[in-house]
Amino acid sequence: MIDFSRRQFLKFTGASALGTVAATLTLEDVASAAAAAALPVGTPILVIVTLYGGNDGLNTVVPYQDSTYATMRPGISLSAADVLPLANGLALNGSMTGFKKLWDQQKLAIVLGVSYPQPNYSHFTSMAIWQTASPVEQITSGWIGRWLDAQPRDPFTAIGIGDVLTPLMAGDHRVGSVLPLYGLDVPSGSFGVEAQLLGRPSSTDTVITSMATGAIGDLFSLASTVGPVLTNVPPSTASDLAQQLDVVAKLITANVPTRVYSVTTDGFDVHADELTTQNALLGTVSDAISSFLTQVGATARANDVVVMVYSEFGRRVEANGSQGTDHGTSGPVFVAGNRIAGGFYGEQPSLTQLVDGDLAVTTDFRDVYASMLQDVLATDPQQIIPGWTTKLNLLHA
């Protein structure tokens, strides 16, 4: 089993990897790109939502009718009055009303028991495994990054919202771009003119110089594109995730030529006071994503968008002594959108047949990724995840 340290995980972001310098976009950049090379309506778009900290799957998709659940979790189990029943003895956390509406509309797929063989309890190692899609071999490219490696160079193909690019978008030769939530000012005036000259390629450039030149060129080409698109920033009372998704919705409806977006939120490492903390976080996630899909659902892009939500691991079945839970193994993955064939996928792990005190892994996350690659990004999964031949049929034909 591979093991990443925190430093290795940060290096894995691709910032120090050869040829994977992320361009930082401005709103003006994105607006220009939308005008110059609009993404045709009908082109599928993948939005990946990362929940950092290890979300407790048992208090998210709740086996509320299983007596073992309440017995193992005194003080932090949810009763029938606290949940939103779905089917098969499972329910959503009561704060997830937005997701319940998507479920009722058959636009939400819940993949059960998701992880990988021999799950790791380290935040950094497990997240690196999920983002590289490589549970055994330690590699430094993300699965979306490898998909980018096979695409023509274009800084708009994949965009991460925020200040730091998620490792999943760093390839060996290509990398996603970063769009800070509130935009970024690039040099202007005479200095800006001189800086742009540094982005012009030359036949005498070395490999390293060419990469740096390309990154500078990308930065300025992006920097004339997004301002008109994002004139209305959500109020400060909106959650960070809601604001990120509001930006994504505006970019999508403006036809920015982006196929993959990445947004993130954190706080799920609930070792204490879990009910208060996690219930609020799950409500925020559910509201933000359902509102986002409503926003794009009112446009011509309604059928183009697929949202995938995951976390690096679940939590242990048994509560700890601080009204919380410790690092565990498998948990649910959510996939939502108009094209999704809603319902349960995979098997809910047994609460009585544990593996070293943890939930069994009943679905490999690479089956979910293969579905996203083949059915959303029109890519052979084996080109991105070598040797992987199975997938879930999460989307309508």
Protein backbone atom coordinates (compact mmCIF):
# COMPACT_ATOMS: atom_id res chain seq x y z
CA MET A 1 0.00 0.00 0.00
CA ILE A 2 1.33 3.40 -0.94
CA ASP A 3 1.64 6.08 1.70
CA PHE A 4 1.76 9.82 1.03
CA SER A 5 3.11 12.31 3.51
CA ARG A 6 1.58 15.78 3.64
CA ARG A 7 4.60 17.18 1.78
CA GLN A 8 4.31 14.54 -0.92
CA PHE A 9 0.62 15.28 -1.26
CA LEU A 10 1.29 18.98 -1.73
CA LYS A 11 4.01 18.22 -4.28
CA PHE A 12 1.50 16.01 -6.08
CA THR A 13 -0.57 19.12 -6.86
CA GLY A 14 1.67 19.42 -9.90
CA ALA A 15 3.11 22.82 -9.11
CA SER A 16 6.62 21.38 -9.09
CA ALA A 17 6.04 18.77 -11.77
CA LEU A 18 7.62 19.32 -15.17
CA GLY A 19 5.24 20.94 -17.58
CA THR A 20 2.27 21.25 -15.24
CA VAL A 21 2.18 24.93 -14.34
CA ALA A 22 -1.41 26.02 -13.81
CA ALA A 23 -2.58 29.16 -15.54
CA THR A 24 -4.48 31.55 -13.29
CA LEU A 25 -7.51 32.94 -15.07
CA THR A 26 -9.37 36.16 -14.55
CA LEU A 27 -13.06 36.68 -15.14
CA GLU A 28 -12.20 38.73 -18.20
CA ASP A 29 -10.22 35.79 -19.61
CA VAL A 30 -13.16 33.47 -19.38
CA ALA A 31 -15.54 35.98 -20.93
CA SER A 32 -13.21 36.36 -23.92
CA ALA A 33 -12.95 32.60 -24.34
CA ALA A 34 -16.73 32.26 -24.27
CA ALA A 35 -17.00 34.78 -27.10
CA ALA A 36 -14.13 33.38 -29.15
CA ALA A 37 -14.74 29.62 -28.84
CA ALA A 38 -18.16 28.95 -27.33
CA LEU A 39 -18.80 25.38 -26.19
CA PRO A 40 -21.58 23.94 -28.36
CA VAL A 41 -24.82 23.27 -26.53
CA GLY A 42 -25.19 19.53 -26.07
CA THR A 43 -21.56 19.01 -25.03
CA PRO A 44 -21.45 17.14 -21.70
CA ILE A 45 -19.81 18.92 -18.75
CA LEU A 46 -18.52 17.31 -15.57
CA VAL A 47 -18.51 19.20 -12.25
CA ILE A 48 -16.49 17.47 -9.52
CA VAL A 49 -17.20 18.36 -5.89
CA THR A 50 -14.54 17.32 -3.36
CA LEU A 51 -15.51 17.08 0.33
CA TYR A 52 -12.26 17.30 2.27
CA GLY A 53 -11.98 15.69 5.69
CA GLY A 54 -13.64 12.30 5.28
CA ASN A 55 -17.43 12.59 5.23
CA ASP A 56 -19.36 10.23 7.52
CA GLY A 57 -21.39 8.19 5.06
CA LEU A 58 -23.53 6.48 7.71
CA ASN A 59 -24.96 9.80 8.85
CA THR A 60 -25.34 10.95 5.24
CA VAL A 61 -27.13 7.95 3.72
CA VAL A 62 -28.58 6.62 6.93
CA PRO A 63 -29.53 2.95 7.65
CA TYR A 64 -32.05 4.27 10.14
CA GLN A 65 -34.10 1.05 10.29
CA ASP A 66 -31.06 -1.07 11.25
CA SER A 67 -30.98 -1.48 15.04
CA THR A 68 -27.21 -1.98 14.95
CA TYR A 69 -26.81 1.56 13.67
CA ALA A 70 -28.35 3.11 16.80
CA THR A 71 -26.59 0.65 19.10
CA MET A 72 -23.14 1.43 17.68
CA ARG A 73 -23.69 5.18 17.71
CA PRO A 74 -25.26 6.28 20.98
CA GLY A 75 -25.72 10.03 20.98
CA ILE A 76 -24.96 10.58 17.30
CA SER A 77 -27.36 8.26 15.47
CA LEU A 78 -30.27 9.76 13.56
CA SER A 79 -33.81 8.57 14.25
CA ALA A 80 -36.67 8.25 11.78
CA ALA A 81 -37.71 11.78 12.73
CA ASP A 82 -34.29 13.13 11.72
CA VAL A 83 -34.06 11.70 8.21
CA LEU A 84 -35.63 11.81 4.76
CA PRO A 85 -36.61 8.21 3.82
CA LEU A 86 -35.60 6.93 0.39
CA ALA A 87 -35.93 3.15 -0.04
CA ASN A 88 -34.50 -0.16 1.18
CA GLY A 89 -34.31 1.05 4.78
CA LEU A 90 -32.03 3.95 3.82
CA ALA A 91 -32.62 7.67 4.17
CA LEU A 92 -30.86 10.96 3.59
CA ASN A 93 -29.72 13.12 6.47
CA GLY A 94 -32.64 15.41 7.30
CA SER A 95 -30.68 18.51 6.31
CA MET A 96 -30.37 17.31 2.70
CA THR A 97 -33.72 18.50 1.41
CA GLY A 98 -32.22 19.62 -1.91
CA PHE A 99 -30.86 16.14 -2.58
CA LYS A 100 -34.20 14.60 -1.59
CA LYS A 101 -35.90 16.69 -4.25
CA LEU A 102 -33.36 15.50 -6.83
CA TRP A 103 -33.95 11.90 -5.69
CA ASP A 104 -37.72 12.28 -6.09
CA GLN A 105 -37.11 13.65 -9.60
CA GLN A 106 -34.90 10.60 -10.34
CA LYS A 107 -31.95 12.92 -10.98
CA LEU A 108 -29.76 11.63 -8.13
CA ALA A 109 -27.72 8.43 -8.15
CA ILE A 110 -26.33 7.23 -4.81
CA VAL A 111 -23.43 4.80 -5.17
CA LEU A 112 -23.07 2.79 -1.97
CA GLY A 113 -20.01 1.44 -0.17
CA VAL A 114 -17.46 3.22 -2.34
CA SER A 115 -13.71 3.09 -1.70
CA TYR A 116 -10.77 1.02 -2.97
CA PRO A 117 -8.99 -2.20 -1.89
CA GLN A 118 -7.21 -1.96 1.48
CA PRO A 119 -8.37 1.58 2.31
CA ASN A 120 -5.88 3.94 3.95
CA TYR A 121 -6.82 6.05 7.00
CA SER A 122 -4.50 8.99 6.18
CA HIS A 123 -6.23 12.06 4.77
CA PHE A 124 -3.30 12.79 2.47
CA THR A 125 -2.73 9.24 1.24
CA SER A 126 -6.39 8.45 0.73
CA MET A 127 -7.13 11.72 -1.07
CA ALA A 128 -4.07 11.19 -3.27
CA ILE A 129 -5.40 7.72 -4.14
CA TRP A 130 -8.83 9.06 -5.03
CA GLN A 131 -7.37 11.90 -7.10
CA THR A 132 -4.81 9.78 -8.95
CA ALA A 133 -7.17 6.79 -9.29
CA SER A 134 -4.18 4.62 -8.40
CA PRO A 135 -4.67 2.59 -5.18
CA VAL A 136 -1.48 0.53 -5.53
CA GLU A 137 1.16 2.45 -7.45
CA GLN A 138 2.24 5.90 -6.26
CA ILE A 139 1.94 8.25 -9.22
CA THR A 140 1.90 12.03 -9.53
CA SER A 141 -0.79 12.64 -12.12
CA GLY A 142 -4.47 13.08 -11.40
CA TRP A 143 -7.08 11.15 -13.36
CA ILE A 144 -8.53 14.32 -14.90
CA GLY A 145 -4.97 15.51 -15.49
CA ARG A 146 -4.28 12.38 -17.56
CA TRP A 147 -7.46 13.05 -19.50
CA LEU A 148 -6.15 16.58 -20.12
CA ASP A 149 -2.85 15.13 -21.38
CA ALA A 150 -4.81 13.61 -24.26
CA GLN A 151 -6.61 16.87 -25.15
CA PRO A 152 -5.37 19.74 -27.31
CA ARG A 153 -3.66 22.40 -25.25
CA ASP A 154 -6.29 24.86 -24.08
CA PRO A 155 -6.27 26.52 -20.65
CA PHE A 156 -10.06 26.53 -20.61
CA THR A 157 -10.63 22.77 -20.95
CA ALA A 158 -10.60 22.21 -17.18
CA ILE A 159 -10.96 24.89 -14.52
CA GLY A 160 -10.67 24.70 -10.76
CA ILE A 161 -12.50 27.41 -8.82
CA GLY A 162 -10.43 28.79 -5.94
CA ASP A 163 -6.85 29.70 -5.16
CA VAL A 164 -5.24 26.25 -5.45
CA LEU A 165 -5.55 23.64 -8.19
CA THR A 166 -6.79 20.27 -6.96
CA PRO A 167 -4.30 17.45 -7.63
CA LEU A 168 -6.82 15.51 -9.70
CA MET A 169 -6.42 18.12 -12.47
CA ALA A 170 -2.62 17.91 -12.76
CA GLY A 171 -1.40 15.71 -15.60
CA ASP A 172 2.08 14.86 -16.83
CA HIS A 173 1.94 17.33 -19.74
CA ARG A 174 -1.25 19.33 -19.24
CA VAL A 175 -2.86 20.90 -16.21
CA GLY A 176 -6.16 22.54 -15.40
CA SER A 177 -6.39 26.27 -14.85
CA VAL A 178 -7.27 28.11 -11.65
CA LEU A 179 -9.93 30.79 -11.43
CA PRO A 180 -9.88 32.59 -8.07
CA LEU A 181 -13.39 33.08 -6.75
CA TYR A 182 -13.15 36.87 -6.82
CA GLY A 183 -10.90 37.17 -9.85
CA LEU A 184 -7.27 38.23 -10.21
CA ASP A 185 -5.65 41.37 -11.57
CA VAL A 186 -2.90 40.76 -14.10
CA PRO A 187 -0.25 43.38 -14.92
CA SER A 188 -1.49 46.27 -17.03
CA GLY A 189 0.00 49.34 -18.67
CA SER A 190 3.55 49.27 -20.01
CA PHE A 191 4.56 46.56 -17.56
CA GLY A 192 1.64 44.43 -18.69
CA VAL A 193 2.72 44.82 -22.31
CA GLU A 194 6.26 43.74 -21.43
CA ALA A 195 4.95 40.81 -19.38
CA GLN A 196 2.82 39.62 -22.29
CA LEU A 197 5.89 39.61 -24.50
CA LEU A 198 7.37 36.98 -22.18
CA GLY A 199 4.54 34.70 -23.23
CA ARG A 200 5.48 34.70 -26.90
CA PRO A 201 7.11 31.44 -27.99
CA SER A 202 10.48 31.39 -29.75
CA SER A 203 12.16 28.72 -31.83
CA THR A 204 15.21 29.07 -29.58
CA ASP A 205 13.31 28.26 -26.36
CA THR A 206 14.49 25.28 -24.32
CA VAL A 207 11.88 22.79 -23.08
CA ILE A 208 11.67 24.47 -19.66
CA THR A 209 11.54 27.96 -21.20
CA SER A 210 8.83 26.84 -23.59
CA MET A 211 6.73 25.56 -20.70
CA ALA A 212 7.13 28.80 -18.78
CA THR A 213 6.36 30.83 -21.89
CA GLY A 214 3.25 28.79 -22.51
CA ALA A 215 2.04 29.32 -18.95
CA ILE A 216 2.49 33.09 -19.25
CA GLY A 217 0.72 33.10 -22.59
CA ASP A 218 -2.15 31.10 -21.12
CA LEU A 219 -2.42 33.51 -18.21
CA PHE A 220 -2.86 36.54 -20.44
CA SER A 221 -5.08 34.82 -22.97
CA LEU A 222 -7.35 33.82 -20.10
CA ALA A 223 -7.15 37.29 -18.61
CA SER A 224 -9.43 38.89 -21.15
CA THR A 225 -12.33 36.54 -20.81
CA VAL A 226 -14.58 36.49 -17.76
CA GLY A 227 -15.48 39.89 -16.29
CA PRO A 228 -18.76 40.42 -18.17
CA VAL A 229 -19.80 36.87 -17.30
CA LEU A 230 -19.46 37.21 -13.54
CA THR A 231 -20.72 40.65 -12.74
CA ASN A 232 -22.98 39.47 -9.90
CA VAL A 233 -21.09 37.82 -7.05
CA PRO A 234 -23.32 36.00 -4.52
CA PRO A 235 -23.84 37.78 -1.21
CA SER A 236 -21.29 37.14 1.50
CA THR A 237 -23.91 35.17 3.43
CA ALA A 238 -23.77 32.45 0.76
CA SER A 239 -21.57 29.47 1.55
CA ASP A 240 -18.18 29.23 -0.10
CA LEU A 241 -19.35 26.17 -2.04
CA ALA A 242 -22.49 27.99 -3.20
CA GLN A 243 -20.36 30.88 -4.43
CA GLN A 244 -18.01 28.53 -6.29
CA LEU A 245 -20.95 26.79 -7.96
CA ASP A 246 -22.56 30.13 -8.80
CA VAL A 247 -19.38 31.02 -10.70
CA VAL A 248 -19.46 27.64 -12.47
CA ALA A 249 -23.11 28.13 -13.41
CA LYS A 250 -22.35 31.53 -14.92
CA LEU A 251 -19.43 30.14 -16.91
CA ILE A 252 -21.51 27.24 -18.18
CA THR A 253 -24.43 29.39 -19.26
CA ALA A 254 -22.01 31.82 -20.93
CA ASN A 255 -20.73 28.90 -23.08
CA VAL A 256 -17.16 29.05 -21.80
CA PRO A 257 -15.34 26.13 -23.54
CA THR A 258 -14.75 24.11 -20.36
CA ARG A 259 -15.51 20.39 -20.04
CA VAL A 260 -14.51 19.81 -16.40
CA TYR A 261 -14.90 22.04 -13.35
CA SER A 262 -13.57 21.36 -9.85
CA VAL A 263 -14.98 22.89 -6.66
CA THR A 264 -14.15 22.00 -3.06
CA THR A 265 -15.32 22.38 0.51
CA ASP A 266 -13.93 21.11 3.79
CA GLY A 267 -14.68 20.62 7.49
CA PHE A 268 -15.79 16.97 7.38
CA ASP A 269 -13.17 15.64 9.82
CA VAL A 270 -15.76 15.32 12.60
CA HIS A 271 -13.98 13.71 15.55
CA ALA A 272 -16.27 15.57 17.98
CA ASP A 273 -19.75 17.16 18.09
CA GLU A 274 -20.61 15.44 14.84
CA LEU A 275 -24.35 15.97 14.67
CA THR A 276 -24.17 19.76 14.82
CA THR A 277 -21.19 20.07 12.49
CA GLN A 278 -21.97 17.46 9.87
CA ASN A 279 -25.68 18.21 9.65
CA ALA A 280 -24.88 21.84 8.85
CA LEU A 281 -22.20 20.88 6.30
CA LEU A 282 -24.45 18.39 4.54
CA GLY A 283 -27.26 20.93 4.38
CA THR A 284 -24.85 23.40 2.79
CA VAL A 285 -23.66 20.87 0.21
CA SER A 286 -27.18 19.72 -0.63
CA ASP A 287 -28.53 23.26 -0.95
CA ALA A 288 -25.59 24.51 -3.01
CA ILE A 289 -25.69 21.63 -5.52
CA SER A 290 -29.46 21.55 -5.90
CA SER A 291 -29.54 25.33 -6.39
CA PHE A 292 -26.74 25.05 -8.96
CA LEU A 293 -28.63 22.41 -10.93
CA THR A 294 -31.77 24.53 -10.79
CA GLN A 295 -29.76 27.49 -12.08
CA VAL A 296 -28.34 25.63 -15.08
CA GLY A 297 -31.59 23.70 -15.47
CA ALA A 298 -33.32 26.88 -16.59
CA THR A 299 -30.95 27.22 -19.55
CA ALA A 300 -30.13 25.41 -22.77
CA ARG A 301 -27.42 23.57 -20.80
CA ALA A 302 -29.94 21.75 -18.60
CA ASN A 303 -29.08 18.30 -19.95
CA ASP A 304 -25.34 18.86 -20.33
CA VAL A 305 -24.23 18.98 -16.69
CA VAL A 306 -23.30 16.06 -14.45
CA VAL A 307 -22.19 16.64 -10.83
CA MET A 308 -20.11 14.06 -8.93
CA VAL A 309 -19.58 14.38 -5.15
CA TYR A 310 -16.98 12.37 -3.22
CA SER A 311 -14.80 12.41 -0.09
CA GLU A 312 -11.50 10.67 0.69
CA PHE A 313 -13.03 8.11 3.10
CA GLY A 314 -15.99 7.46 5.37
CA ARG A 315 -15.94 7.14 9.14
CA ARG A 316 -15.86 4.20 11.53
CA VAL A 317 -19.15 2.54 12.42
CA GLU A 318 -18.76 2.93 16.16
CA ALA A 319 -18.90 6.39 17.71
CA ASN A 320 -15.85 7.60 19.63
CA GLY A 321 -15.93 9.07 23.13
CA SER A 322 -16.35 12.67 21.91
CA GLN A 323 -19.72 12.43 20.17
CA GLY A 324 -17.92 12.03 16.88
CA THR A 325 -16.39 9.39 14.62
CA ASP A 326 -12.87 8.49 13.54
CA HIS A 327 -11.39 7.77 10.12
CA GLY A 328 -13.01 4.85 8.35
CA THR A 329 -13.32 3.28 4.93
CA SER A 330 -16.20 3.27 2.45
CA GLY A 331 -18.99 5.78 1.97
CA PRO A 332 -21.49 6.99 -0.62
CA VAL A 333 -20.69 8.89 -3.82
CA PHE A 334 -23.39 11.10 -5.31
CA VAL A 335 -23.91 11.75 -9.02
CA ALA A 336 -26.63 14.20 -10.06
CA GLY A 337 -28.06 15.81 -13.17
CA ASN A 338 -30.89 15.60 -15.70
CA ARG A 339 -29.21 12.72 -17.55
CA ILE A 340 -28.67 10.62 -14.43
CA ALA A 341 -30.60 7.39 -14.00
CA GLY A 342 -31.54 8.02 -10.38
CA GLY A 343 -31.53 5.39 -7.66
CA PHE A 344 -29.16 3.24 -5.64
CA TYR A 345 -26.09 1.59 -7.16
CA GLY A 346 -23.93 -0.99 -5.46
CA GLU A 347 -24.61 -2.63 -2.12
CA GLN A 348 -24.97 -1.00 1.29
CA PRO A 349 -22.22 -2.49 3.52
CA SER A 350 -23.41 -4.61 6.42
CA LEU A 351 -23.15 -3.17 9.93
CA THR A 352 -22.62 -6.63 11.40
CA GLN A 353 -20.08 -8.03 8.94
CA LEU A 354 -17.32 -5.50 9.42
CA VAL A 355 -13.72 -5.63 8.26
CA ASP A 356 -11.49 -4.83 11.24
CA GLY A 357 -14.30 -2.76 12.68
CA ASP A 358 -14.94 -0.87 9.46
CA LEU A 359 -17.47 -1.01 6.66
CA ALA A 360 -16.63 -3.32 3.79
CA VAL A 361 -15.89 -1.85 0.37
CA THR A 362 -18.65 -2.96 -2.00
CA THR A 363 -17.96 -0.60 -4.94
CA ASP A 364 -14.59 0.46 -6.32
CA PHE A 365 -14.46 4.19 -7.02
CA ARG A 366 -12.83 3.47 -10.37
CA ASP A 367 -16.18 2.12 -11.57
CA VAL A 368 -17.66 5.57 -10.92
CA TYR A 369 -14.75 7.31 -12.66
CA ALA A 370 -15.07 4.99 -15.65
CA SER A 371 -18.68 6.04 -16.00
CA MET A 372 -17.70 9.72 -15.90
CA LEU A 373 -14.93 9.19 -18.44
CA GLN A 374 -16.91 7.12 -20.91
CA ASP A 375 -20.40 8.55 -20.59
CA VAL A 376 -19.62 12.22 -19.87
CA LEU A 377 -16.17 12.86 -21.37
CA ALA A 378 -16.46 10.33 -24.24
CA THR A 379 -13.11 8.77 -23.36
CA ASP A 380 -12.08 5.13 -23.10
CA PRO A 381 -11.52 4.63 -19.35
CA GLN A 382 -8.59 2.28 -19.96
CA GLN A 383 -6.66 5.16 -21.51
CA ILE A 384 -6.88 6.99 -18.18
CA ILE A 385 -7.06 4.09 -15.71
CA PRO A 386 -4.95 1.35 -17.33
CA GLY A 387 -6.41 -2.13 -17.04
CA TRP A 388 -9.75 -1.00 -15.65
CA THR A 389 -12.58 -2.64 -17.59
CA THR A 390 -15.79 -2.18 -15.54
CA LYS A 391 -18.10 0.78 -15.01
CA LEU A 392 -21.49 1.75 -13.64
CA ASN A 393 -24.31 2.73 -15.95
CA LEU A 394 -25.25 5.93 -14.15
CA LEU A 395 -26.48 7.93 -17.15
CA HIS A 396 -29.42 7.48 -19.46
CA ALA A 397 -28.45 6.67 -23.02
